Amino acid sequence: MTIRGLRAIGALIISTAMTGAAWAQATAAAPAADQSGNIAWALISTVLVLMMCFPGLALF
């Protein structure tokens, strides 16, 4: 992989992280409700996606 490709991947990762931080700040001002089911589902789905990334990268 070239330096140009690595820079593009780095820029993509940074822009994704910045977008996530902006969404987190926007939702932090919302009133608290019973979100236990939504939070649990978000955590479980995040773990599932991360678990699928490793075989995908290995096969790539």
N, C-alpha and C. Protein backbone atom coordinates (compact mmCIF):
# COMPACT_ATOMS: atom_id res chain seq x y z
N MET A 1 0.85 -1.17 0.00
CA MET A 1 0.00 0.00 0.00
C MET A 1 0.89 1.23 0.00
N THR A 2 0.50 2.19 -0.75
CA THR A 2 1.30 3.39 -0.89
C THR A 2 0.99 4.39 0.22
N ILE A 3 1.85 5.38 0.33
CA ILE A 3 1.64 6.44 1.30
C ILE A 3 0.34 7.18 1.01
N ARG A 4 0.05 7.37 -0.26
CA ARG A 4 -1.18 8.07 -0.65
C ARG A 4 -2.41 7.29 -0.18
N GLY A 5 -2.37 5.98 -0.33
CA GLY A 5 -3.48 5.14 0.12
C GLY A 5 -3.64 5.17 1.63
N LEU A 6 -2.51 5.15 2.33
CA LEU A 6 -2.57 5.21 3.79
C LEU A 6 -3.12 6.54 4.26
N ARG A 7 -2.76 7.61 3.60
CA ARG A 7 -3.29 8.92 3.97
C ARG A 7 -4.80 8.98 3.74
N ALA A 8 -5.27 8.38 2.65
CA ALA A 8 -6.70 8.37 2.35
C ALA A 8 -7.46 7.58 3.41
N ILE A 9 -6.91 6.44 3.81
CA ILE A 9 -7.56 5.64 4.84
C ILE A 9 -7.55 6.39 6.17
N GLY A 10 -6.44 7.04 6.49
CA GLY A 10 -6.36 7.82 7.73
C GLY A 10 -7.37 8.96 7.74
N ALA A 11 -7.51 9.64 6.61
CA ALA A 11 -8.48 10.74 6.52
C ALA A 11 -9.90 10.21 6.69
N LEU A 12 -10.19 9.05 6.12
CA LEU A 12 -11.52 8.47 6.26
C LEU A 12 -11.82 8.12 7.72
N ILE A 13 -10.85 7.53 8.39
CA ILE A 13 -11.03 7.16 9.80
C ILE A 13 -11.23 8.40 10.66
N ILE A 14 -10.43 9.42 10.43
CA ILE A 14 -10.55 10.64 11.23
C ILE A 14 -11.88 11.32 10.97
N SER A 15 -12.32 11.40 9.72
CA SER A 15 -13.59 12.05 9.43
C SER A 15 -14.76 11.27 10.03
N THR A 16 -14.67 9.96 10.03
CA THR A 16 -15.71 9.14 10.64
C THR A 16 -15.75 9.37 12.15
N ALA A 17 -14.58 9.43 12.77
CA ALA A 17 -14.53 9.66 14.22
C ALA A 17 -15.08 11.03 14.58
N MET A 18 -14.76 12.04 13.78
CA MET A 18 -15.26 13.39 14.06
C MET A 18 -16.78 13.46 13.89
N THR A 19 -17.32 12.77 12.90
CA THR A 19 -18.76 12.77 12.68
C THR A 19 -19.46 12.08 13.85
N GLY A 20 -18.89 10.99 14.32
CA GLY A 20 -19.47 10.29 15.47
C GLY A 20 -19.46 11.15 16.71
N ALA A 21 -18.41 11.91 16.93
CA ALA A 21 -18.34 12.79 18.09
C ALA A 21 -19.40 13.89 17.99
N ALA A 22 -19.63 14.40 16.80
CA ALA A 22 -20.65 15.44 16.63
C ALA A 22 -22.04 14.89 16.92
N TRP A 23 -22.33 13.69 16.46
CA TRP A 23 -23.63 13.09 16.74
C TRP A 23 -23.79 12.81 18.22
N ALA A 24 -22.72 12.39 18.89
CA ALA A 24 -22.79 12.11 20.32
C ALA A 24 -23.11 13.38 21.11
N GLN A 25 -22.53 14.49 20.71
CA GLN A 25 -22.81 15.75 21.40
C GLN A 25 -24.24 16.20 21.14
N ALA A 26 -24.75 15.98 19.96
CA ALA A 26 -26.10 16.41 19.62
C ALA A 26 -27.14 15.60 20.40
N THR A 27 -26.89 14.32 20.61
CA THR A 27 -27.86 13.49 21.32
C THR A 27 -27.71 13.59 22.83
N ALA A 28 -26.60 14.14 23.31
CA ALA A 28 -26.40 14.24 24.76
C ALA A 28 -27.37 15.24 25.38
N ALA A 29 -27.86 16.21 24.62
CA ALA A 29 -28.76 17.22 25.14
C ALA A 29 -30.21 16.73 25.22
N ALA A 30 -30.50 15.58 24.63
CA ALA A 30 -31.85 15.05 24.63
C ALA A 30 -32.24 14.60 26.05
N PRO A 31 -33.51 14.70 26.38
CA PRO A 31 -33.93 14.28 27.72
C PRO A 31 -33.76 12.77 27.90
N ALA A 32 -33.43 12.38 29.11
CA ALA A 32 -33.18 10.97 29.40
C ALA A 32 -34.51 10.21 29.45
N ALA A 33 -34.56 9.10 28.79
CA ALA A 33 -35.73 8.22 28.81
C ALA A 33 -35.23 6.80 29.04
N ASP A 34 -36.12 5.87 29.06
CA ASP A 34 -35.71 4.48 29.24
C ASP A 34 -35.07 3.98 27.94
N GLN A 35 -33.77 4.03 27.87
CA GLN A 35 -33.03 3.68 26.67
C GLN A 35 -32.24 2.40 26.85
N SER A 36 -32.53 1.61 27.88
CA SER A 36 -31.71 0.44 28.16
C SER A 36 -31.73 -0.57 27.00
N GLY A 37 -32.89 -0.76 26.39
CA GLY A 37 -32.96 -1.70 25.26
C GLY A 37 -32.21 -1.20 24.05
N ASN A 38 -32.31 0.10 23.78
CA ASN A 38 -31.60 0.68 22.64
C ASN A 38 -30.10 0.63 22.85
N ILE A 39 -29.65 0.92 24.05
CA ILE A 39 -28.22 0.90 24.34
C ILE A 39 -27.68 -0.52 24.24
N ALA A 40 -28.42 -1.47 24.78
CA ALA A 40 -27.98 -2.86 24.71
C ALA A 40 -27.87 -3.33 23.26
N TRP A 41 -28.87 -2.98 22.45
CA TRP A 41 -28.83 -3.38 21.05
C TRP A 41 -27.66 -2.72 20.32
N ALA A 42 -27.40 -1.46 20.61
CA ALA A 42 -26.28 -0.77 19.97
C ALA A 42 -24.96 -1.42 20.33
N LEU A 43 -24.80 -1.80 21.59
CA LEU A 43 -23.56 -2.45 22.01
C LEU A 43 -23.41 -3.83 21.38
N ILE A 44 -24.48 -4.59 21.35
CA ILE A 44 -24.42 -5.94 20.77
C ILE A 44 -24.13 -5.85 19.27
N SER A 45 -24.80 -4.95 18.58
CA SER A 45 -24.57 -4.85 17.14
C SER A 45 -23.16 -4.35 16.83
N THR A 46 -22.62 -3.47 17.68
CA THR A 46 -21.25 -3.02 17.50
C THR A 46 -20.27 -4.18 17.65
N VAL A 47 -20.48 -5.00 18.65
CA VAL A 47 -19.61 -6.16 18.85
C VAL A 47 -19.71 -7.12 17.67
N LEU A 48 -20.92 -7.33 17.17
CA LEU A 48 -21.09 -8.23 16.02
C LEU A 48 -20.37 -7.70 14.79
N VAL A 49 -20.46 -6.41 14.55
CA VAL A 49 -19.78 -5.83 13.39
C VAL A 49 -18.27 -5.96 13.54
N LEU A 50 -17.75 -5.68 14.74
CA LEU A 50 -16.31 -5.81 14.95
C LEU A 50 -15.86 -7.26 14.78
N MET A 51 -16.68 -8.21 15.22
CA MET A 51 -16.32 -9.61 15.05
C MET A 51 -16.32 -10.00 13.58
N MET A 52 -17.16 -9.39 12.76
CA MET A 52 -17.20 -9.72 11.33
C MET A 52 -16.06 -9.04 10.57
N CYS A 53 -15.50 -7.99 11.12
CA CYS A 53 -14.42 -7.28 10.42
C CYS A 53 -13.14 -8.11 10.36
N PHE A 54 -12.83 -8.81 11.43
CA PHE A 54 -11.57 -9.55 11.47
C PHE A 54 -11.51 -10.66 10.43
N PRO A 55 -12.51 -11.52 10.27
CA PRO A 55 -12.46 -12.51 9.18
C PRO A 55 -12.46 -11.85 7.80
N GLY A 56 -13.21 -10.76 7.67
CA GLY A 56 -13.23 -10.07 6.39
C GLY A 56 -11.86 -9.54 6.01
N LEU A 57 -11.15 -8.97 6.96
CA LEU A 57 -9.81 -8.49 6.68
C LEU A 57 -8.85 -9.64 6.42
N ALA A 58 -9.03 -10.74 7.14
CA ALA A 58 -8.15 -11.90 6.94
C ALA A 58 -8.36 -12.48 5.54
N LEU A 59 -9.59 -12.51 5.07
CA LEU A 59 -9.86 -13.05 3.74
C LEU A 59 -9.47 -12.08 2.63
N PHE A 60 -9.40 -10.81 2.96
CA PHE A 60 -9.02 -9.81 1.97
C PHE A 60 -7.56 -9.97 1.65
